[in-house]
Amino acid sequence: MYRARRRWRLPPRLIRGRRQELLELLDRFDPSVDELTEAIAQEAQRRPEVERLQTHPGVAPITALAYVFVVGTPERFACSKQVASYLGLIPCEDSSADHWRLVHIRKPGNALLRYLLVQSALSAAHVEEEWRRKYVHLAMRRNHAIAKIAIARKLAVRLFWMWRRRWDYEPLKKFGAHAG
């Protein structure tokens, strides 16, 4: 016979006390977060390459700084495929005999930068119509996870070329990714 589960509820006085503790903890963290945000903004202003990368829609100072710190210099890589591979934004290949398929991403690179690139790419997809169309098309054809990684890879490649050619976003948008 089926027995209904009992729901345990905390007394209202405990809920009020816990809520007050959490609000006090939040008040203590707010100044620390503000200080860190200010330090990141100051570091971003000191580096011209970071300011250049921030001209791309969706790219905030923390994403641009992380990209510059992880990649190092754009001269380390001969092409954008190497950057995508270094960051772990390319799929693994699972092949045998006459079967060939691409599976999950490799993930050898920096996980924090991958996360930041995905979030920035999603922000760019909200702003840029071309990116939105590409994301929606991939999400409908494949799935949302694959679409997120694909546009994150596109963003990583675009940031690489912006940094390497020393272009802001507007000239890149005007002439296209293959100009110059």
C-alpha atoms as a PDB file:
ATOM      1  CA  MET A   1       0.000   0.000   0.000  1.00  0.00           C
ATOM      2  CA  TYR A   2       1.228   3.477  -0.893  1.00  0.00           C
ATOM      3  CA  ARG A   3       2.002   5.768   2.007  1.00  0.00           C
ATOM      4  CA  ALA A   4       2.230   9.490   1.498  1.00  0.00           C
ATOM      5  CA  ARG A   5       5.473  11.057   2.574  1.00  0.00           C
ATOM      6  CA  ARG A   6       5.451  13.478   5.413  1.00  0.00           C
ATOM      7  CA  ARG A   7       6.736  16.901   4.623  1.00  0.00           C
ATOM      8  CA  TRP A   8       8.979  18.330   7.267  1.00  0.00           C
ATOM      9  CA  ARG A   9       8.728  22.035   7.636  1.00  0.00           C
ATOM     10  CA  LEU A  10      11.017  24.235   9.592  1.00  0.00           C
ATOM     11  CA  PRO A  11       9.480  26.443  12.229  1.00  0.00           C
ATOM     12  CA  PRO A  12       9.100  30.078  11.100  1.00  0.00           C
ATOM     13  CA  ARG A  13      11.534  31.317  13.769  1.00  0.00           C
ATOM     14  CA  LEU A  14      14.316  29.108  12.322  1.00  0.00           C
ATOM     15  CA  ILE A  15      13.553  30.277   8.801  1.00  0.00           C
ATOM     16  CA  ARG A  16      13.736  33.930   9.880  1.00  0.00           C
ATOM     17  CA  GLY A  17      17.021  33.332  11.708  1.00  0.00           C
ATOM     18  CA  ARG A  18      18.600  31.529   8.741  1.00  0.00           C
ATOM     19  CA  ARG A  19      17.420  34.216   6.328  1.00  0.00           C
ATOM     20  CA  GLN A  20      18.956  36.915   8.523  1.00  0.00           C
ATOM     21  CA  GLU A  21      22.291  35.038   8.677  1.00  0.00           C
ATOM     22  CA  LEU A  22      22.398  34.719   4.906  1.00  0.00           C
ATOM     23  CA  LEU A  23      21.569  38.397   4.367  1.00  0.00           C
ATOM     24  CA  GLU A  24      24.379  39.408   6.743  1.00  0.00           C
ATOM     25  CA  LEU A  25      26.780  37.130   4.873  1.00  0.00           C
ATOM     26  CA  LEU A  26      25.745  38.704   1.582  1.00  0.00           C
ATOM     27  CA  ASP A  27      26.341  42.187   3.016  1.00  0.00           C
ATOM     28  CA  ARG A  28      29.875  41.154   4.005  1.00  0.00           C
ATOM     29  CA  PHE A  29      30.655  39.807   0.516  1.00  0.00           C
ATOM     30  CA  ASP A  30      29.363  42.801  -1.452  1.00  0.00           C
ATOM     31  CA  PRO A  31      32.360  45.089  -0.681  1.00  0.00           C
ATOM     32  CA  SER A  32      34.783  42.281  -1.560  1.00  0.00           C
ATOM     33  CA  VAL A  33      33.085  41.709  -4.903  1.00  0.00           C
ATOM     34  CA  ASP A  34      33.131  45.444  -5.626  1.00  0.00           C
ATOM     35  CA  GLU A  35      36.869  45.628  -4.845  1.00  0.00           C
ATOM     36  CA  LEU A  36      37.637  42.670  -7.122  1.00  0.00           C
ATOM     37  CA  THR A  37      35.514  44.120  -9.920  1.00  0.00           C
ATOM     38  CA  GLU A  38      37.397  47.404  -9.654  1.00  0.00           C
ATOM     39  CA  ALA A  39      40.778  45.622  -9.707  1.00  0.00           C
ATOM     40  CA  ILE A  40      39.770  43.681 -12.830  1.00  0.00           C
ATOM     41  CA  ALA A  41      38.616  46.883 -14.543  1.00  0.00           C
ATOM     42  CA  GLN A  42      41.910  48.629 -13.713  1.00  0.00           C
ATOM     43  CA  GLU A  43      43.980  45.709 -15.019  1.00  0.00           C
ATOM     44  CA  ALA A  44      41.910  45.629 -18.198  1.00  0.00           C
ATOM     45  CA  GLN A  45      42.525  49.349 -18.783  1.00  0.00           C
ATOM     46  CA  ARG A  46      46.288  48.863 -18.485  1.00  0.00           C
ATOM     47  CA  ARG A  47      46.375  46.340 -21.347  1.00  0.00           C
ATOM     48  CA  PRO A  48      45.521  47.557 -24.867  1.00  0.00           C
ATOM     49  CA  GLU A  49      44.880  44.039 -26.163  1.00  0.00           C
ATOM     50  CA  VAL A  50      42.249  43.485 -23.465  1.00  0.00           C
ATOM     51  CA  GLU A  51      40.519  46.751 -24.355  1.00  0.00           C
ATOM     52  CA  ARG A  52      40.539  45.687 -28.007  1.00  0.00           C
ATOM     53  CA  LEU A  53      38.926  42.336 -27.218  1.00  0.00           C
ATOM     54  CA  GLN A  54      36.264  44.082 -25.126  1.00  0.00           C
ATOM     55  CA  THR A  55      35.004  45.872 -28.241  1.00  0.00           C
ATOM     56  CA  HIS A  56      33.378  42.585 -29.278  1.00  0.00           C
ATOM     57  CA  PRO A  57      29.762  42.321 -28.060  1.00  0.00           C
ATOM     58  CA  GLY A  58      29.378  40.066 -25.039  1.00  0.00           C
ATOM     59  CA  VAL A  59      33.043  40.160 -24.007  1.00  0.00           C
ATOM     60  CA  ALA A  60      33.511  41.639 -20.535  1.00  0.00           C
ATOM     61  CA  PRO A  61      36.816  42.574 -18.864  1.00  0.00           C
ATOM     62  CA  ILE A  62      37.129  39.268 -17.008  1.00  0.00           C
ATOM     63  CA  THR A  63      36.657  37.226 -20.204  1.00  0.00           C
ATOM     64  CA  ALA A  64      39.138  39.362 -22.139  1.00  0.00           C
ATOM     65  CA  LEU A  65      41.715  39.196 -19.332  1.00  0.00           C
ATOM     66  CA  ALA A  66      41.344  35.447 -18.965  1.00  0.00           C
ATOM     67  CA  TYR A  67      41.690  34.997 -22.733  1.00  0.00           C
ATOM     68  CA  VAL A  68      44.875  37.091 -22.852  1.00  0.00           C
ATOM     69  CA  PHE A  69      46.401  35.360 -19.830  1.00  0.00           C
ATOM     70  CA  VAL A  70      45.618  31.824 -21.006  1.00  0.00           C
ATOM     71  CA  VAL A  71      46.504  32.245 -24.688  1.00  0.00           C
ATOM     72  CA  GLY A  72      49.668  34.229 -23.947  1.00  0.00           C
ATOM     73  CA  THR A  73      50.526  35.778 -27.306  1.00  0.00           C
ATOM     74  CA  PRO A  74      48.781  35.242 -30.638  1.00  0.00           C
ATOM     75  CA  GLU A  75      52.123  34.441 -32.275  1.00  0.00           C
ATOM     76  CA  ARG A  76      52.211  31.127 -30.378  1.00  0.00           C
ATOM     77  CA  PHE A  77      49.633  29.728 -32.782  1.00  0.00           C
ATOM     78  CA  ALA A  78      49.908  29.451 -36.551  1.00  0.00           C
ATOM     79  CA  CYS A  79      46.154  29.319 -37.115  1.00  0.00           C
ATOM     80  CA  SER A  80      42.868  29.586 -35.293  1.00  0.00           C
ATOM     81  CA  LYS A  81      42.347  25.804 -35.309  1.00  0.00           C
ATOM     82  CA  GLN A  82      45.301  25.495 -32.952  1.00  0.00           C
ATOM     83  CA  VAL A  83      43.751  28.033 -30.565  1.00  0.00           C
ATOM     84  CA  ALA A  84      40.445  26.156 -30.537  1.00  0.00           C
ATOM     85  CA  SER A  85      42.295  22.914 -29.891  1.00  0.00           C
ATOM     86  CA  TYR A  86      44.380  24.504 -27.126  1.00  0.00           C
ATOM     87  CA  LEU A  87      41.233  25.759 -25.406  1.00  0.00           C
ATOM     88  CA  GLY A  88      39.479  22.392 -25.703  1.00  0.00           C
ATOM     89  CA  LEU A  89      36.700  23.580 -27.983  1.00  0.00           C
ATOM     90  CA  ILE A  90      37.016  20.902 -30.655  1.00  0.00           C
ATOM     91  CA  PRO A  91      35.261  17.532 -30.658  1.00  0.00           C
ATOM     92  CA  CYS A  92      36.933  14.186 -30.130  1.00  0.00           C
ATOM     93  CA  GLU A  93      36.901  11.755 -32.999  1.00  0.00           C
ATOM     94  CA  ASP A  94      35.565   8.255 -32.406  1.00  0.00           C
ATOM     95  CA  SER A  95      36.380   6.240 -35.500  1.00  0.00           C
ATOM     96  CA  SER A  96      36.757   2.634 -36.452  1.00  0.00           C
ATOM     97  CA  ALA A  97      36.813   1.021 -39.878  1.00  0.00           C
ATOM     98  CA  ASP A  98      34.074   2.628 -41.939  1.00  0.00           C
ATOM     99  CA  HIS A  99      32.416   4.512 -39.043  1.00  0.00           C
ATOM    100  CA  TRP A 100      33.499   8.067 -38.358  1.00  0.00           C
ATOM    101  CA  ARG A 101      31.852  10.363 -35.846  1.00  0.00           C
ATOM    102  CA  LEU A 102      32.617  13.344 -33.678  1.00  0.00           C
ATOM    103  CA  VAL A 103      31.706  13.056 -30.002  1.00  0.00           C
ATOM    104  CA  HIS A 104      32.128  15.271 -26.889  1.00  0.00           C
ATOM    105  CA  ILE A 105      34.686  18.085 -26.734  1.00  0.00           C
ATOM    106  CA  ARG A 106      38.245  17.249 -25.729  1.00  0.00           C
ATOM    107  CA  LYS A 107      38.491  19.599 -22.702  1.00  0.00           C
ATOM    108  CA  PRO A 108      42.288  19.777 -22.396  1.00  0.00           C
ATOM    109  CA  GLY A 109      42.359  23.563 -21.907  1.00  0.00           C
ATOM    110  CA  ASN A 110      41.402  25.934 -19.167  1.00  0.00           C
ATOM    111  CA  ALA A 111      37.897  25.109 -17.905  1.00  0.00           C
ATOM    112  CA  LEU A 112      37.280  28.607 -16.523  1.00  0.00           C
ATOM    113  CA  LEU A 113      38.098  30.234 -19.863  1.00  0.00           C
ATOM    114  CA  ARG A 114      35.855  27.750 -21.661  1.00  0.00           C
ATOM    115  CA  TYR A 115      33.020  28.645 -19.297  1.00  0.00           C
ATOM    116  CA  LEU A 116      33.619  32.376 -19.786  1.00  0.00           C
ATOM    117  CA  LEU A 117      33.713  31.981 -23.573  1.00  0.00           C
ATOM    118  CA  VAL A 118      30.416  30.101 -23.558  1.00  0.00           C
ATOM    119  CA  GLN A 119      28.752  32.774 -21.425  1.00  0.00           C
ATOM    120  CA  SER A 120      30.183  35.593 -23.550  1.00  0.00           C
ATOM    121  CA  ALA A 121      29.135  33.857 -26.761  1.00  0.00           C
ATOM    122  CA  LEU A 122      25.593  33.482 -25.456  1.00  0.00           C
ATOM    123  CA  SER A 123      25.587  37.190 -24.601  1.00  0.00           C
ATOM    124  CA  ALA A 124      26.830  37.983 -28.102  1.00  0.00           C
ATOM    125  CA  ALA A 125      24.063  35.808 -29.528  1.00  0.00           C
ATOM    126  CA  HIS A 126      21.517  37.980 -27.729  1.00  0.00           C
ATOM    127  CA  VAL A 127      22.997  41.143 -29.271  1.00  0.00           C
ATOM    128  CA  GLU A 128      24.110  40.075 -32.772  1.00  0.00           C
ATOM    129  CA  GLU A 129      21.479  38.853 -35.196  1.00  0.00           C
ATOM    130  CA  GLU A 130      23.948  36.712 -37.179  1.00  0.00           C
ATOM    131  CA  TRP A 131      25.119  34.914 -34.047  1.00  0.00           C
ATOM    132  CA  ARG A 132      21.532  34.396 -32.886  1.00  0.00           C
ATOM    133  CA  ARG A 133      20.588  32.816 -36.216  1.00  0.00           C
ATOM    134  CA  LYS A 134      23.601  30.501 -36.124  1.00  0.00           C
ATOM    135  CA  TYR A 135      22.904  29.480 -32.521  1.00  0.00           C
ATOM    136  CA  VAL A 136      19.214  28.806 -33.111  1.00  0.00           C
ATOM    137  CA  HIS A 137      19.948  26.881 -36.312  1.00  0.00           C
ATOM    138  CA  LEU A 138      22.500  24.650 -34.563  1.00  0.00           C
ATOM    139  CA  ALA A 139      20.310  24.195 -31.498  1.00  0.00           C
ATOM    140  CA  MET A 140      17.399  23.046 -33.644  1.00  0.00           C
ATOM    141  CA  ARG A 141      19.538  20.827 -35.871  1.00  0.00           C
ATOM    142  CA  ARG A 142      21.682  19.277 -33.123  1.00  0.00           C
ATOM    143  CA  ASN A 143      21.100  20.394 -29.539  1.00  0.00           C
ATOM    144  CA  HIS A 144      21.727  23.364 -27.259  1.00  0.00           C
ATOM    145  CA  ALA A 145      24.960  21.993 -25.754  1.00  0.00           C
ATOM    146  CA  ILE A 146      26.562  21.565 -29.161  1.00  0.00           C
ATOM    147  CA  ALA A 147      25.324  24.989 -30.258  1.00  0.00           C
ATOM    148  CA  LYS A 148      26.835  26.631 -27.167  1.00  0.00           C
ATOM    149  CA  ILE A 149      30.235  25.070 -27.772  1.00  0.00           C
ATOM    150  CA  ALA A 150      30.107  25.947 -31.473  1.00  0.00           C
ATOM    151  CA  ILE A 151      29.482  29.623 -30.867  1.00  0.00           C
ATOM    152  CA  ALA A 152      32.063  29.653 -28.040  1.00  0.00           C
ATOM    153  CA  ARG A 153      34.588  28.266 -30.535  1.00  0.00           C
ATOM    154  CA  LYS A 154      33.543  30.928 -33.040  1.00  0.00           C
ATOM    155  CA  LEU A 155      34.078  33.610 -30.392  1.00  0.00           C
ATOM    156  CA  ALA A 156      37.496  32.220 -29.426  1.00  0.00           C
ATOM    157  CA  VAL A 157      38.575  32.222 -33.077  1.00  0.00           C
ATOM    158  CA  ARG A 158      37.263  35.743 -33.629  1.00  0.00           C
ATOM    159  CA  LEU A 159      39.059  37.034 -30.517  1.00  0.00           C
ATOM    160  CA  PHE A 160      42.255  35.389 -31.742  1.00  0.00           C
ATOM    161  CA  TRP A 161      42.083  37.167 -35.097  1.00  0.00           C
ATOM    162  CA  MET A 162      41.103  40.481 -33.525  1.00  0.00           C
ATOM    163  CA  TRP A 163      44.128  40.257 -31.248  1.00  0.00           C
ATOM    164  CA  ARG A 164      46.513  39.049 -33.938  1.00  0.00           C
ATOM    165  CA  ARG A 165      45.515  41.650 -36.542  1.00  0.00           C
ATOM    166  CA  ARG A 166      45.074  44.380 -33.925  1.00  0.00           C
ATOM    167  CA  TRP A 167      41.537  45.148 -35.099  1.00  0.00           C
ATOM    168  CA  ASP A 168      38.645  46.368 -33.047  1.00  0.00           C
ATOM    169  CA  TYR A 169      35.271  44.755 -33.581  1.00  0.00           C
ATOM    170  CA  GLU A 170      33.820  47.362 -35.961  1.00  0.00           C
ATOM    171  CA  PRO A 171      36.524  47.004 -38.695  1.00  0.00           C
ATOM    172  CA  LEU A 172      36.304  43.240 -38.350  1.00  0.00           C
ATOM    173  CA  LYS A 173      32.553  43.397 -38.785  1.00  0.00           C
ATOM    174  CA  LYS A 174      32.869  45.774 -41.737  1.00  0.00           C
ATOM    175  CA  PHE A 175      35.452  43.788 -43.713  1.00  0.00           C
ATOM    176  CA  GLY A 176      34.667  40.268 -42.500  1.00  0.00           C
ATOM    177  CA  ALA A 177      36.826  37.693 -40.770  1.00  0.00           C
ATOM    178  CA  HIS A 178      38.873  36.841 -43.871  1.00  0.00           C
ATOM    179  CA  ALA A 179      39.856  40.391 -44.852  1.00  0.00           C
ATOM    180  CA  GLY A 180      43.371  41.717 -44.535  1.00  0.00           C
END
